[in-house]
């Protein structure tokens, strides 16, 4: 989910504790965001998290950091020139 000006929007009315609103406004201001944009971003994050997007992304990042074992024991038996050499006729 991405905030986009072309996405159809709908207003919603929330009843929240005053202290939560106050702290949220401060956090939004620190990020140079409106309260509406701040709450939208928080909701989008939560939806992505609940739908598995975040866990899948973190899992893939973990795989990239760990790397893969291709059985080479860290040694490469060829070089770039070998890979890109043109066949001589």
N, C-alpha and C. Protein backbone atom coordinates (compact mmCIF):
# COMPACT_ATOMS: atom_id res chain seq x y z
N UNK A 1 0.83 -1.18 0.00
CA UNK A 1 0.00 0.00 0.00
C UNK A 1 0.87 1.23 0.00
N UNK A 2 0.53 2.16 -0.83
CA UNK A 2 1.31 3.36 -0.95
C UNK A 2 0.39 4.56 -0.95
N UNK A 3 0.77 5.59 -0.20
CA UNK A 3 -0.02 6.82 -0.25
C UNK A 3 0.17 7.44 -1.62
N UNK A 4 -0.91 7.74 -2.28
CA UNK A 4 -0.83 8.28 -3.63
C UNK A 4 -1.98 9.24 -3.81
N UNK A 5 -1.72 10.37 -4.45
CA UNK A 5 -2.76 11.37 -4.64
C UNK A 5 -3.92 10.85 -5.49
N UNK A 6 -3.65 9.87 -6.35
CA UNK A 6 -4.69 9.36 -7.24
C UNK A 6 -5.57 8.29 -6.60
N UNK A 7 -5.23 7.85 -5.41
CA UNK A 7 -6.01 6.82 -4.72
C UNK A 7 -7.28 7.45 -4.16
N UNK A 8 -8.39 6.79 -4.40
CA UNK A 8 -9.66 7.28 -3.86
C UNK A 8 -9.60 7.24 -2.34
N UNK A 9 -10.02 8.31 -1.73
CA UNK A 9 -9.96 8.40 -0.27
C UNK A 9 -11.36 8.56 0.32
N UNK A 10 -11.42 8.22 1.59
CA UNK A 10 -12.68 8.36 2.31
C UNK A 10 -12.35 8.87 3.71
N UNK A 11 -13.07 9.85 4.16
CA UNK A 11 -12.87 10.37 5.50
C UNK A 11 -13.43 9.40 6.53
N UNK A 12 -12.82 9.42 7.71
CA UNK A 12 -13.27 8.58 8.80
C UNK A 12 -13.17 9.40 10.09
N UNK A 13 -14.08 9.19 10.98
CA UNK A 13 -14.07 9.89 12.25
C UNK A 13 -13.60 8.93 13.33
N UNK A 14 -12.61 9.36 14.10
CA UNK A 14 -12.07 8.53 15.18
C UNK A 14 -12.28 9.21 16.51
N UNK A 15 -12.46 8.41 17.52
CA UNK A 15 -12.51 8.92 18.88
C UNK A 15 -11.29 8.35 19.59
N UNK A 16 -10.33 9.23 19.90
CA UNK A 16 -9.07 8.79 20.50
C UNK A 16 -8.82 9.55 21.79
N UNK A 17 -8.08 8.97 22.69
CA UNK A 17 -7.73 9.69 23.93
C UNK A 17 -6.92 10.96 23.61
N UNK A 18 -7.21 12.03 24.33
CA UNK A 18 -6.55 13.32 24.08
C UNK A 18 -5.03 13.21 24.16
N UNK A 19 -4.54 12.48 25.13
CA UNK A 19 -3.09 12.35 25.29
C UNK A 19 -2.45 11.64 24.10
N UNK A 20 -3.15 10.65 23.53
CA UNK A 20 -2.65 9.96 22.35
C UNK A 20 -2.60 10.91 21.15
N UNK A 21 -3.62 11.73 21.01
CA UNK A 21 -3.65 12.71 19.93
C UNK A 21 -2.51 13.71 20.09
N UNK A 22 -2.32 14.19 21.31
CA UNK A 22 -1.27 15.16 21.59
C UNK A 22 0.10 14.59 21.23
N UNK A 23 0.39 13.40 21.69
CA UNK A 23 1.69 12.78 21.41
C UNK A 23 1.84 12.48 19.92
N UNK A 24 0.76 12.09 19.28
CA UNK A 24 0.80 11.79 17.84
C UNK A 24 1.08 13.05 17.04
N UNK A 25 0.49 14.18 17.45
CA UNK A 25 0.74 15.44 16.76
C UNK A 25 2.21 15.84 16.87
N UNK A 26 2.79 15.65 18.05
CA UNK A 26 4.20 15.98 18.25
C UNK A 26 5.07 15.09 17.36
N UNK A 27 4.79 13.79 17.35
CA UNK A 27 5.57 12.87 16.52
C UNK A 27 5.43 13.21 15.04
N UNK A 28 4.23 13.54 14.62
CA UNK A 28 3.99 13.91 13.22
C UNK A 28 4.79 15.17 12.87
N UNK A 29 4.77 16.15 13.75
CA UNK A 29 5.50 17.40 13.51
C UNK A 29 7.00 17.14 13.42
N UNK A 30 7.50 16.24 14.24
CA UNK A 30 8.93 15.90 14.20
C UNK A 30 9.32 15.27 12.87
N UNK A 31 8.37 14.63 12.22
CA UNK A 31 8.62 14.00 10.92
C UNK A 31 8.17 14.90 9.76
N UNK A 32 7.80 16.13 10.11
CA UNK A 32 7.31 17.10 9.13
C UNK A 32 6.12 16.54 8.35
N UNK A 33 5.18 15.94 9.08
CA UNK A 33 3.99 15.34 8.48
C UNK A 33 2.75 15.92 9.17
N UNK A 34 1.65 15.86 8.46
CA UNK A 34 0.37 16.20 9.10
C UNK A 34 -0.04 15.02 9.97
N UNK A 35 -0.94 15.27 10.88
CA UNK A 35 -1.44 14.18 11.71
C UNK A 35 -2.13 13.13 10.84
N UNK A 36 -2.86 13.58 9.84
CA UNK A 36 -3.54 12.66 8.94
C UNK A 36 -2.53 11.76 8.21
N UNK A 37 -1.46 12.35 7.68
CA UNK A 37 -0.44 11.57 6.97
C UNK A 37 0.27 10.61 7.93
N UNK A 38 0.52 11.08 9.15
CA UNK A 38 1.18 10.25 10.15
C UNK A 38 0.33 9.03 10.50
N UNK A 39 -0.96 9.25 10.74
CA UNK A 39 -1.86 8.14 11.07
C UNK A 39 -2.03 7.20 9.88
N UNK A 40 -2.11 7.75 8.67
CA UNK A 40 -2.23 6.92 7.48
C UNK A 40 -1.00 6.01 7.33
N UNK A 41 0.19 6.59 7.53
CA UNK A 41 1.42 5.80 7.42
C UNK A 41 1.45 4.70 8.48
N UNK A 42 1.00 5.02 9.68
CA UNK A 42 0.98 4.01 10.76
C UNK A 42 0.00 2.88 10.43
N UNK A 43 -1.15 3.24 9.89
CA UNK A 43 -2.13 2.22 9.51
C UNK A 43 -1.63 1.37 8.35
N UNK A 44 -0.99 2.01 7.36
CA UNK A 44 -0.46 1.27 6.23
C UNK A 44 0.61 0.28 6.69
N UNK A 45 1.47 0.72 7.60
CA UNK A 45 2.51 -0.15 8.13
C UNK A 45 1.88 -1.37 8.83
N UNK A 46 0.88 -1.10 9.64
CA UNK A 46 0.23 -2.19 10.39
C UNK A 46 -0.44 -3.18 9.44
N UNK A 47 -1.08 -2.69 8.39
CA UNK A 47 -1.74 -3.57 7.43
C UNK A 47 -0.69 -4.42 6.71
N UNK A 48 0.43 -3.80 6.29
CA UNK A 48 1.50 -4.57 5.62
C UNK A 48 2.04 -5.64 6.56
N UNK A 49 2.22 -5.26 7.82
CA UNK A 49 2.74 -6.20 8.82
C UNK A 49 1.78 -7.38 8.99
N UNK A 50 0.52 -7.08 9.11
CA UNK A 50 -0.49 -8.13 9.33
C UNK A 50 -0.68 -9.01 8.11
N UNK A 51 -0.45 -8.48 6.93
CA UNK A 51 -0.66 -9.28 5.73
C UNK A 51 0.60 -10.06 5.34
N UNK A 52 1.65 -9.94 6.15
CA UNK A 52 2.84 -10.74 5.91
C UNK A 52 3.89 -10.06 5.07
N UNK A 53 3.60 -8.87 4.56
CA UNK A 53 4.58 -8.18 3.73
C UNK A 53 5.88 -7.93 4.49
N UNK A 54 5.76 -7.38 5.68
CA UNK A 54 6.95 -7.05 6.45
C UNK A 54 7.76 -8.29 6.80
N UNK A 55 7.08 -9.36 7.20
CA UNK A 55 7.83 -10.57 7.56
C UNK A 55 8.52 -11.17 6.34
N UNK A 56 7.87 -11.13 5.18
CA UNK A 56 8.49 -11.64 3.95
C UNK A 56 9.69 -10.78 3.57
N UNK A 57 9.56 -9.46 3.68
CA UNK A 57 10.66 -8.56 3.36
C UNK A 57 11.85 -8.82 4.28
N UNK A 58 11.58 -8.94 5.58
CA UNK A 58 12.66 -9.19 6.55
C UNK A 58 13.31 -10.55 6.29
N UNK A 59 12.52 -11.54 5.93
CA UNK A 59 13.05 -12.87 5.63
C UNK A 59 13.98 -12.81 4.43
N UNK A 60 13.58 -12.09 3.39
CA UNK A 60 14.41 -11.97 2.20
C UNK A 60 15.68 -11.17 2.48
N UNK A 61 15.58 -10.11 3.29
CA UNK A 61 16.77 -9.35 3.65
C UNK A 61 17.74 -10.22 4.44
N UNK A 62 17.20 -11.06 5.31
CA UNK A 62 18.06 -11.98 6.07
C UNK A 62 18.80 -12.94 5.16
N UNK A 63 18.10 -13.45 4.14
CA UNK A 63 18.74 -14.35 3.19
C UNK A 63 19.85 -13.64 2.42
N UNK A 64 19.60 -12.39 2.04
CA UNK A 64 20.62 -11.62 1.32
C UNK A 64 21.84 -11.37 2.19
N UNK A 65 21.62 -11.08 3.47
CA UNK A 65 22.74 -10.83 4.38
C UNK A 65 23.54 -12.10 4.63
N UNK A 66 22.84 -13.22 4.77
CA UNK A 66 23.51 -14.50 5.05
C UNK A 66 24.24 -15.00 3.81
N UNK A 67 23.63 -14.85 2.67
CA UNK A 67 24.22 -15.35 1.43
C UNK A 67 23.85 -16.80 1.21
N UNK A 68 24.37 -17.38 0.14
CA UNK A 68 24.06 -18.75 -0.22
C UNK A 68 25.33 -19.55 -0.37
N UNK A 69 25.26 -20.83 -0.04
CA UNK A 69 26.40 -21.73 -0.21
C UNK A 69 26.27 -22.42 -1.56
N UNK A 70 27.16 -22.06 -2.47
CA UNK A 70 27.14 -22.68 -3.80
C UNK A 70 28.19 -23.78 -3.92
N UNK A 71 28.75 -24.18 -2.79
CA UNK A 71 29.72 -25.26 -2.79
C UNK A 71 31.11 -24.84 -3.25
N UNK A 72 31.38 -23.56 -3.35
CA UNK A 72 32.68 -23.10 -3.83
C UNK A 72 33.66 -22.84 -2.70
N UNK A 73 33.20 -22.93 -1.46
CA UNK A 73 34.02 -22.66 -0.27
C UNK A 73 34.70 -21.29 -0.37
N UNK A 74 33.99 -20.34 -0.97
CA UNK A 74 34.49 -18.98 -1.06
C UNK A 74 35.46 -18.74 -2.19
N UNK A 75 35.74 -19.75 -2.96
CA UNK A 75 36.69 -19.62 -4.06
C UNK A 75 35.93 -19.56 -5.39
N UNK A 76 36.36 -18.66 -6.26
CA UNK A 76 35.76 -18.55 -7.57
C UNK A 76 36.75 -19.09 -8.59
N UNK A 77 36.32 -20.06 -9.40
CA UNK A 77 37.22 -20.72 -10.34
C UNK A 77 37.25 -20.08 -11.72
N UNK A 78 36.77 -18.88 -11.84
CA UNK A 78 36.78 -18.21 -13.13
C UNK A 78 36.87 -16.71 -12.88
N UNK A 79 37.16 -15.96 -13.93
CA UNK A 79 37.20 -14.51 -13.77
C UNK A 79 36.25 -13.86 -14.76
N UNK A 80 36.13 -12.57 -14.65
CA UNK A 80 35.19 -11.83 -15.49
C UNK A 80 35.53 -11.99 -16.97
N UNK A 81 36.81 -11.91 -17.29
CA UNK A 81 37.23 -12.04 -18.69
C UNK A 81 36.83 -13.40 -19.27
N UNK A 82 36.98 -14.46 -18.47
CA UNK A 82 36.58 -15.79 -18.93
C UNK A 82 35.08 -15.84 -19.25
N UNK A 83 34.30 -15.21 -18.41
CA UNK A 83 32.85 -15.23 -18.60
C UNK A 83 32.42 -14.46 -19.83
N UNK A 84 33.16 -13.41 -20.15
CA UNK A 84 32.74 -12.54 -21.24
C UNK A 84 33.60 -12.67 -22.50
N UNK A 85 34.49 -13.64 -22.52
CA UNK A 85 35.35 -13.82 -23.67
C UNK A 85 34.54 -14.24 -24.89
N UNK A 86 34.90 -13.69 -26.03
CA UNK A 86 34.23 -14.08 -27.26
C UNK A 86 34.93 -15.29 -27.83
N UNK A 87 34.15 -16.14 -28.43
CA UNK A 87 34.73 -17.34 -29.04
C UNK A 87 35.52 -16.96 -30.28
N UNK A 88 36.69 -17.49 -30.37
CA UNK A 88 37.52 -17.24 -31.55
C UNK A 88 37.15 -18.26 -32.61
N UNK A 89 37.07 -17.78 -33.83
CA UNK A 89 36.70 -18.68 -34.93
C UNK A 89 37.91 -19.15 -35.65
